[in-house]
Amino acid sequence: MDGPSSPSAEAAGTVRAARRTRNKPEDRHREFVRKAIELFAEVGFEAGTRELAQRLGVTQPLLYRYFPSKDDLIAAVYQEIYVNRWKSEWREGLMDESRPIRERIIRFYEDYTRTIFTPEWIRIYIFAGLRGVDINRRYAAKVEAEILRPITLATRQSFGLSGNEPPRPEEVELFWTLQGGIFYYGVREIVYQFPMPVDRPTMIRNAVDTFLTGVGPVLTHLAGRETEDNAKR
């Protein structure tokens, strides 16, 4: 008859059970993606699957079972860092006419910067641009469609201008300047690690106030010019 299990046997069984849990395909997939994020954020997209496999302590053939190509791995990183962190409520908040436009934009950028101002987010984004990886194009298209165009329409309405027509390219470019300025604050803070004498909430409020002070006359001018052009046709 078997006697009671010894403490060492029970511990060994616990370790084996833990290993089985960690080695589930979904857990291993998440671990591979997490390490890929660390690697790309550290050295950029020059790094390949061989280096990643070495960091993981696995063979390349095993890594290829999960990611048949480097492009597949990059797609998984994009999904984890950029898609999974995206919040649908950002657009909803920007279009909420019950709040003043200033409050809407400030609230958005406060939450948005809390989400993206991390080393892995910003460093991977910059490395992707330098290497021509399509992360930047895909993400910029989403920002324009889901953030900047809604901001354009909402800001138009706040100045009493028609908000039904699709935003003009010149209008959208105005809002890219606001987006770009706030993003570059994050680059200086996170990538360059400059001392930031102005805290982030103050920077956002000042940037939005400055932008809204100047954008109204420009939007009004563009709307008037379009009216004149339509009348000439």
C-alpha atoms as a PDB file:
ATOM      1  CA  MET A   1       0.000   0.000   0.000  1.00  0.00           C
ATOM      2  CA  ASP A   2       1.307   3.422  -0.904  1.00  0.00           C
ATOM      3  CA  GLY A   3       1.992   5.700   1.980  1.00  0.00           C
ATOM      4  CA  PRO A   4       1.136   9.403   2.126  1.00  0.00           C
ATOM      5  CA  SER A   5       2.926  11.583  -0.339  1.00  0.00           C
ATOM      6  CA  SER A   6       6.091  13.195   0.934  1.00  0.00           C
ATOM      7  CA  PRO A   7       6.445  17.000   0.879  1.00  0.00           C
ATOM      8  CA  SER A   8       9.086  16.719  -1.831  1.00  0.00           C
ATOM      9  CA  ALA A   9       6.805  14.576  -4.005  1.00  0.00           C
ATOM     10  CA  GLU A  10       3.965  17.014  -3.557  1.00  0.00           C
ATOM     11  CA  ALA A  11       6.249  19.915  -4.478  1.00  0.00           C
ATOM     12  CA  ALA A  12       7.435  18.097  -7.591  1.00  0.00           C
ATOM     13  CA  GLY A  13       3.855  17.467  -8.603  1.00  0.00           C
ATOM     14  CA  THR A  14       3.053  21.139  -8.136  1.00  0.00           C
ATOM     15  CA  VAL A  15       5.983  22.124 -10.329  1.00  0.00           C
ATOM     16  CA  ARG A  16       4.925  19.673 -13.046  1.00  0.00           C
ATOM     17  CA  ALA A  17       1.374  21.015 -12.935  1.00  0.00           C
ATOM     18  CA  ALA A  18       2.643  24.579 -13.158  1.00  0.00           C
ATOM     19  CA  ARG A  19       4.780  23.675 -16.142  1.00  0.00           C
ATOM     20  CA  ARG A  20       1.819  22.099 -17.890  1.00  0.00           C
ATOM     21  CA  THR A  21      -0.165  25.297 -17.288  1.00  0.00           C
ATOM     22  CA  ARG A  22       2.615  27.542 -18.534  1.00  0.00           C
ATOM     23  CA  ASN A  23       3.119  25.421 -21.602  1.00  0.00           C
ATOM     24  CA  LYS A  24      -0.433  25.738 -22.858  1.00  0.00           C
ATOM     25  CA  PRO A  25      -0.328  27.035 -26.455  1.00  0.00           C
ATOM     26  CA  GLU A  26      -2.176  30.233 -25.594  1.00  0.00           C
ATOM     27  CA  ASP A  27       0.185  30.945 -22.684  1.00  0.00           C
ATOM     28  CA  ARG A  28       3.236  30.261 -24.808  1.00  0.00           C
ATOM     29  CA  HIS A  29       1.866  32.477 -27.560  1.00  0.00           C
ATOM     30  CA  ARG A  30       1.389  35.343 -25.106  1.00  0.00           C
ATOM     31  CA  GLU A  31       4.905  34.845 -23.740  1.00  0.00           C
ATOM     32  CA  PHE A  32       6.396  34.899 -27.241  1.00  0.00           C
ATOM     33  CA  VAL A  33       4.535  38.120 -28.082  1.00  0.00           C
ATOM     34  CA  ARG A  34       5.564  39.731 -24.802  1.00  0.00           C
ATOM     35  CA  LYS A  35       9.228  38.943 -25.443  1.00  0.00           C
ATOM     36  CA  ALA A  36       8.947  40.152 -29.029  1.00  0.00           C
ATOM     37  CA  ILE A  37       7.579  43.460 -27.751  1.00  0.00           C
ATOM     38  CA  GLU A  38      10.540  43.788 -25.382  1.00  0.00           C
ATOM     39  CA  LEU A  39      12.996  42.915 -28.147  1.00  0.00           C
ATOM     40  CA  PHE A  40      11.577  45.268 -30.792  1.00  0.00           C
ATOM     41  CA  ALA A  41      11.262  48.102 -28.270  1.00  0.00           C
ATOM     42  CA  GLU A  42      14.907  47.635 -27.288  1.00  0.00           C
ATOM     43  CA  VAL A  43      16.687  47.149 -30.632  1.00  0.00           C
ATOM     44  CA  GLY A  44      14.078  47.768 -33.327  1.00  0.00           C
ATOM     45  CA  PHE A  45      12.997  45.634 -36.240  1.00  0.00           C
ATOM     46  CA  GLU A  46      16.515  44.644 -37.207  1.00  0.00           C
ATOM     47  CA  ALA A  47      16.081  41.866 -34.665  1.00  0.00           C
ATOM     48  CA  GLY A  48      14.962  38.569 -36.137  1.00  0.00           C
ATOM     49  CA  THR A  49      13.339  35.343 -35.063  1.00  0.00           C
ATOM     50  CA  ARG A  50      16.731  33.790 -34.269  1.00  0.00           C
ATOM     51  CA  GLU A  51      17.495  36.414 -31.634  1.00  0.00           C
ATOM     52  CA  LEU A  52      13.974  36.157 -30.237  1.00  0.00           C
ATOM     53  CA  ALA A  53      14.245  32.371 -29.976  1.00  0.00           C
ATOM     54  CA  GLN A  54      17.540  32.755 -28.117  1.00  0.00           C
ATOM     55  CA  ARG A  55      15.975  35.158 -25.641  1.00  0.00           C
ATOM     56  CA  LEU A  56      13.083  32.800 -25.106  1.00  0.00           C
ATOM     57  CA  GLY A  57      15.327  29.786 -24.722  1.00  0.00           C
ATOM     58  CA  VAL A  58      13.462  27.889 -27.439  1.00  0.00           C
ATOM     59  CA  THR A  59      14.321  26.652 -30.901  1.00  0.00           C
ATOM     60  CA  GLN A  60      13.454  28.565 -34.051  1.00  0.00           C
ATOM     61  CA  PRO A  61      11.316  25.663 -35.343  1.00  0.00           C
ATOM     62  CA  LEU A  62       9.172  25.916 -32.207  1.00  0.00           C
ATOM     63  CA  LEU A  63       8.824  29.672 -32.691  1.00  0.00           C
ATOM     64  CA  TYR A  64       7.826  29.110 -36.319  1.00  0.00           C
ATOM     65  CA  ARG A  65       5.000  26.873 -35.175  1.00  0.00           C
ATOM     66  CA  TYR A  66       3.395  29.969 -33.661  1.00  0.00           C
ATOM     67  CA  PHE A  67       4.649  32.595 -36.114  1.00  0.00           C
ATOM     68  CA  PRO A  68       5.497  31.201 -39.568  1.00  0.00           C
ATOM     69  CA  SER A  69       7.197  34.482 -40.538  1.00  0.00           C
ATOM     70  CA  LYS A  70       8.549  37.648 -38.999  1.00  0.00           C
ATOM     71  CA  ASP A  71       5.602  39.513 -40.515  1.00  0.00           C
ATOM     72  CA  ASP A  72       3.253  37.288 -38.525  1.00  0.00           C
ATOM     73  CA  LEU A  73       5.164  38.148 -35.378  1.00  0.00           C
ATOM     74  CA  ILE A  74       5.007  41.875 -36.147  1.00  0.00           C
ATOM     75  CA  ALA A  75       1.262  41.561 -36.751  1.00  0.00           C
ATOM     76  CA  ALA A  76       0.851  39.967 -33.318  1.00  0.00           C
ATOM     77  CA  VAL A  77       2.865  42.773 -31.718  1.00  0.00           C
ATOM     78  CA  TYR A  78       0.715  45.365 -33.483  1.00  0.00           C
ATOM     79  CA  GLN A  79      -2.434  43.633 -32.238  1.00  0.00           C
ATOM     80  CA  GLU A  80      -1.208  43.557 -28.650  1.00  0.00           C
ATOM     81  CA  ILE A  81       0.276  47.047 -28.395  1.00  0.00           C
ATOM     82  CA  TYR A  82      -1.887  49.129 -30.700  1.00  0.00           C
ATOM     83  CA  VAL A  83      -5.203  47.387 -31.349  1.00  0.00           C
ATOM     84  CA  ASN A  84      -5.842  45.914 -27.904  1.00  0.00           C
ATOM     85  CA  ARG A  85      -5.122  49.226 -26.185  1.00  0.00           C
ATOM     86  CA  TRP A  86      -7.473  51.195 -28.426  1.00  0.00           C
ATOM     87  CA  LYS A  87     -10.640  52.397 -26.685  1.00  0.00           C
ATOM     88  CA  SER A  88     -13.917  52.834 -28.546  1.00  0.00           C
ATOM     89  CA  GLU A  89     -15.047  55.327 -25.910  1.00  0.00           C
ATOM     90  CA  TRP A  90     -12.482  57.841 -27.175  1.00  0.00           C
ATOM     91  CA  ARG A  91     -14.549  58.572 -30.270  1.00  0.00           C
ATOM     92  CA  GLU A  92     -17.783  58.454 -28.306  1.00  0.00           C
ATOM     93  CA  GLY A  93     -16.462  61.013 -25.831  1.00  0.00           C
ATOM     94  CA  LEU A  94     -15.298  63.348 -28.577  1.00  0.00           C
ATOM     95  CA  MET A  95     -18.761  63.325 -30.141  1.00  0.00           C
ATOM     96  CA  ASP A  96     -20.588  63.876 -26.835  1.00  0.00           C
ATOM     97  CA  GLU A  97     -22.300  67.228 -27.429  1.00  0.00           C
ATOM     98  CA  SER A  98     -23.406  67.461 -23.802  1.00  0.00           C
ATOM     99  CA  ARG A  99     -19.867  68.566 -22.885  1.00  0.00           C
ATOM    100  CA  PRO A 100     -17.942  71.641 -24.122  1.00  0.00           C
ATOM    101  CA  ILE A 101     -15.499  70.881 -26.918  1.00  0.00           C
ATOM    102  CA  ARG A 102     -12.529  71.965 -24.779  1.00  0.00           C
ATOM    103  CA  GLU A 103     -13.442  69.498 -22.065  1.00  0.00           C
ATOM    104  CA  ARG A 104     -13.943  66.699 -24.583  1.00  0.00           C
ATOM    105  CA  ILE A 105     -10.567  67.154 -26.223  1.00  0.00           C
ATOM    106  CA  ILE A 106      -8.687  67.541 -22.942  1.00  0.00           C
ATOM    107  CA  ARG A 107     -10.328  64.454 -21.440  1.00  0.00           C
ATOM    108  CA  PHE A 108      -9.468  62.486 -24.557  1.00  0.00           C
ATOM    109  CA  TYR A 109      -5.802  63.453 -24.616  1.00  0.00           C
ATOM    110  CA  GLU A 110      -5.387  62.838 -20.893  1.00  0.00           C
ATOM    111  CA  ASP A 111      -6.584  59.262 -21.301  1.00  0.00           C
ATOM    112  CA  TYR A 112      -4.895  58.759 -24.662  1.00  0.00           C
ATOM    113  CA  THR A 113      -1.480  59.797 -23.358  1.00  0.00           C
ATOM    114  CA  ARG A 114      -1.891  57.556 -20.306  1.00  0.00           C
ATOM    115  CA  THR A 115      -2.370  54.707 -22.767  1.00  0.00           C
ATOM    116  CA  ILE A 116       0.388  55.375 -25.301  1.00  0.00           C
ATOM    117  CA  PHE A 117       3.103  57.112 -23.285  1.00  0.00           C
ATOM    118  CA  THR A 118       4.963  53.896 -22.493  1.00  0.00           C
ATOM    119  CA  PRO A 119       8.449  52.917 -23.680  1.00  0.00           C
ATOM    120  CA  GLU A 120       7.283  49.921 -25.718  1.00  0.00           C
ATOM    121  CA  TRP A 121       4.485  51.859 -27.455  1.00  0.00           C
ATOM    122  CA  ILE A 122       6.518  54.880 -28.494  1.00  0.00           C
ATOM    123  CA  ARG A 123       9.840  53.139 -29.200  1.00  0.00           C
ATOM    124  CA  ILE A 124       8.211  50.472 -31.389  1.00  0.00           C
ATOM    125  CA  TYR A 125       6.279  53.167 -33.253  1.00  0.00           C
ATOM    126  CA  ILE A 126       9.470  55.096 -33.999  1.00  0.00           C
ATOM    127  CA  PHE A 127      11.454  51.998 -34.974  1.00  0.00           C
ATOM    128  CA  ALA A 128       8.614  50.945 -37.283  1.00  0.00           C
ATOM    129  CA  GLY A 129       8.747  54.274 -39.078  1.00  0.00           C
ATOM    130  CA  LEU A 130      12.503  54.071 -39.552  1.00  0.00           C
ATOM    131  CA  ARG A 131      12.331  50.561 -41.002  1.00  0.00           C
ATOM    132  CA  GLY A 132       9.245  51.059 -43.163  1.00  0.00           C
ATOM    133  CA  VAL A 133       7.169  48.554 -41.199  1.00  0.00           C
ATOM    134  CA  ASP A 134       3.487  49.271 -41.875  1.00  0.00           C
ATOM    135  CA  ILE A 135       2.584  49.709 -38.186  1.00  0.00           C
ATOM    136  CA  ASN A 136       2.746  53.486 -38.607  1.00  0.00           C
ATOM    137  CA  ARG A 137       0.545  53.633 -41.707  1.00  0.00           C
ATOM    138  CA  ARG A 138      -2.082  51.370 -40.207  1.00  0.00           C
ATOM    139  CA  TYR A 139      -2.167  53.191 -36.904  1.00  0.00           C
ATOM    140  CA  ALA A 140      -2.123  56.682 -38.440  1.00  0.00           C
ATOM    141  CA  ALA A 141      -5.082  55.747 -40.640  1.00  0.00           C
ATOM    142  CA  LYS A 142      -6.991  54.622 -37.555  1.00  0.00           C
ATOM    143  CA  VAL A 143      -6.116  57.800 -35.652  1.00  0.00           C
ATOM    144  CA  GLU A 144      -7.321  59.940 -38.539  1.00  0.00           C
ATOM    145  CA  ALA A 145     -10.558  58.011 -39.038  1.00  0.00           C
ATOM    146  CA  GLU A 146     -11.488  57.455 -35.387  1.00  0.00           C
ATOM    147  CA  ILE A 147     -10.027  60.536 -33.666  1.00  0.00           C
ATOM    148  CA  LEU A 148      -9.068  63.444 -35.908  1.00  0.00           C
ATOM    149  CA  ARG A 149     -12.077  63.436 -38.215  1.00  0.00           C
ATOM    150  CA  PRO A 150     -14.506  63.247 -35.262  1.00  0.00           C
ATOM    151  CA  ILE A 151     -12.599  66.066 -33.541  1.00  0.00           C
ATOM    152  CA  THR A 152     -12.846  68.115 -36.741  1.00  0.00           C
ATOM    153  CA  LEU A 153     -16.601  67.650 -36.972  1.00  0.00           C
ATOM    154  CA  ALA A 154     -17.147  68.319 -33.275  1.00  0.00           C
ATOM    155  CA  THR A 155     -14.990  71.457 -33.341  1.00  0.00           C
ATOM    156  CA  ARG A 156     -16.788  72.759 -36.412  1.00  0.00           C
ATOM    157  CA  GLN A 157     -20.090  72.433 -34.613  1.00  0.00           C
ATOM    158  CA  SER A 158     -18.697  74.171 -31.523  1.00  0.00           C
ATOM    159  CA  PHE A 159     -17.948  77.222 -33.700  1.00  0.00           C
ATOM    160  CA  GLY A 160     -21.399  77.160 -35.288  1.00  0.00           C
ATOM    161  CA  LEU A 161     -20.152  75.787 -38.603  1.00  0.00           C
ATOM    162  CA  SER A 162     -21.778  72.987 -40.574  1.00  0.00           C
ATOM    163  CA  GLY A 163     -20.617  69.636 -39.261  1.00  0.00           C
ATOM    164  CA  ASN A 164     -22.264  67.341 -41.795  1.00  0.00           C
ATOM    165  CA  GLU A 165     -19.853  67.515 -44.728  1.00  0.00           C
ATOM    166  CA  PRO A 166     -16.796  65.257 -44.633  1.00  0.00           C
ATOM    167  CA  PRO A 167     -13.733  67.018 -43.230  1.00  0.00           C
ATOM    168  CA  ARG A 168     -11.558  68.700 -45.811  1.00  0.00           C
ATOM    169  CA  PRO A 169      -7.885  67.650 -46.036  1.00  0.00           C
ATOM    170  CA  GLU A 170      -6.789  71.088 -44.813  1.00  0.00           C
ATOM    171  CA  GLU A 171      -9.035  70.777 -41.774  1.00  0.00           C
ATOM    172  CA  VAL A 172      -7.751  67.339 -40.846  1.00  0.00           C
ATOM    173  CA  GLU A 173      -4.179  68.560 -41.218  1.00  0.00           C
ATOM    174  CA  LEU A 174      -4.895  71.236 -38.622  1.00  0.00           C
ATOM    175  CA  PHE A 175      -5.775  68.572 -36.106  1.00  0.00           C
ATOM    176  CA  TRP A 176      -2.707  66.526 -37.013  1.00  0.00           C
ATOM    177  CA  THR A 177      -0.643  69.458 -35.746  1.00  0.00           C
ATOM    178  CA  LEU A 178      -2.324  69.181 -32.354  1.00  0.00           C
ATOM    179  CA  GLN A 179      -1.887  65.404 -32.331  1.00  0.00           C
ATOM    180  CA  GLY A 180       1.745  65.654 -33.399  1.00  0.00           C
ATOM    181  CA  GLY A 181       2.660  68.243 -30.798  1.00  0.00           C
ATOM    182  CA  ILE A 182       1.246  66.186 -27.962  1.00  0.00           C
ATOM    183  CA  PHE A 183       2.866  63.012 -29.300  1.00  0.00           C
ATOM    184  CA  TYR A 184       6.268  64.712 -29.461  1.00  0.00           C
ATOM    185  CA  TYR A 185       5.991  65.598 -25.783  1.00  0.00           C
ATOM    186  CA  GLY A 186       5.880  61.841 -25.184  1.00  0.00           C
ATOM    187  CA  VAL A 187       8.914  61.278 -27.406  1.00  0.00           C
ATOM    188  CA  ARG A 188      10.936  63.809 -25.412  1.00  0.00           C
ATOM    189  CA  GLU A 189       9.735  62.374 -22.115  1.00  0.00           C
ATOM    190  CA  ILE A 190       9.911  58.632 -22.860  1.00  0.00           C
ATOM    191  CA  VAL A 191      12.541  58.184 -25.583  1.00  0.00           C
ATOM    192  CA  TYR A 192      14.917  61.090 -25.056  1.00  0.00           C
ATOM    193  CA  GLN A 193      14.259  61.092 -21.286  1.00  0.00           C
ATOM    194  CA  PHE A 194      14.488  64.853 -21.117  1.00  0.00           C
ATOM    195  CA  PRO A 195      13.522  66.495 -17.828  1.00  0.00           C
ATOM    196  CA  MET A 196      10.035  67.862 -18.437  1.00  0.00           C
ATOM    197  CA  PRO A 197       9.566  71.197 -16.637  1.00  0.00           C
ATOM    198  CA  VAL A 198       5.839  71.241 -17.505  1.00  0.00           C
ATOM    199  CA  ASP A 199       3.726  68.332 -16.303  1.00  0.00           C
ATOM    200  CA  ARG A 200       1.607  66.401 -18.784  1.00  0.00           C
ATOM    201  CA  PRO A 201      -1.888  67.636 -17.747  1.00  0.00           C
ATOM    202  CA  THR A 202      -0.713  71.255 -17.923  1.00  0.00           C
ATOM    203  CA  MET A 203       0.881  70.664 -21.319  1.00  0.00           C
ATOM    204  CA  ILE A 204      -2.351  69.162 -22.646  1.00  0.00           C
ATOM    205  CA  ARG A 205      -4.514  72.000 -21.352  1.00  0.00           C
ATOM    206  CA  ASN A 206      -2.173  74.635 -22.769  1.00  0.00           C
ATOM    207  CA  ALA A 207      -1.911  72.880 -26.130  1.00  0.00           C
ATOM    208  CA  VAL A 208      -5.679  72.502 -26.459  1.00  0.00           C
ATOM    209  CA  ASP A 209      -6.363  76.096 -25.372  1.00  0.00           C
ATOM    210  CA  THR A 210      -3.827  77.474 -27.836  1.00  0.00           C
ATOM    211  CA  PHE A 211      -5.205  75.293 -30.604  1.00  0.00           C
ATOM    212  CA  LEU A 212      -8.846  76.205 -30.018  1.00  0.00           C
ATOM    213  CA  THR A 213      -7.985  79.907 -29.863  1.00  0.00           C
ATOM    214  CA  GLY A 214      -6.517  79.798 -33.348  1.00  0.00           C
ATOM    215  CA  VAL A 215      -8.459  77.080 -35.131  1.00  0.00           C
ATOM    216  CA  GLY A 216     -11.860  78.803 -35.163  1.00  0.00           C
ATOM    217  CA  PRO A 217     -10.929  81.585 -37.604  1.00  0.00           C
ATOM    218  CA  VAL A 218      -9.119  79.107 -39.856  1.00  0.00           C
ATOM    219  CA  LEU A 219     -12.096  76.734 -39.979  1.00  0.00           C
ATOM    220  CA  THR A 220     -14.387  79.694 -40.690  1.00  0.00           C
ATOM    221  CA  HIS A 221     -12.107  80.853 -43.501  1.00  0.00           C
ATOM    222  CA  LEU A 222     -11.982  77.370 -45.054  1.00  0.00           C
ATOM    223  CA  ALA A 223     -15.760  77.058 -44.876  1.00  0.00           C
ATOM    224  CA  GLY A 224     -16.185  80.454 -46.540  1.00  0.00           C
ATOM    225  CA  ARG A 225     -13.703  79.624 -49.264  1.00  0.00           C
ATOM    226  CA  GLU A 226     -15.525  76.388 -50.027  1.00  0.00           C
ATOM    227  CA  THR A 227     -18.822  78.292 -50.232  1.00  0.00           C
ATOM    228  CA  GLU A 228     -17.281  80.695 -52.718  1.00  0.00           C
ATOM    229  CA  ASP A 229     -15.847  77.858 -54.792  1.00  0.00           C
ATOM    230  CA  ASN A 230     -19.225  76.115 -54.889  1.00  0.00           C
ATOM    231  CA  ALA A 231     -20.918  79.331 -55.991  1.00  0.00           C
ATOM    232  CA  LYS A 232     -18.520  79.678 -58.931  1.00  0.00           C
ATOM    233  CA  ARG A 233     -19.299  76.207 -60.257  1.00  0.00           C
END
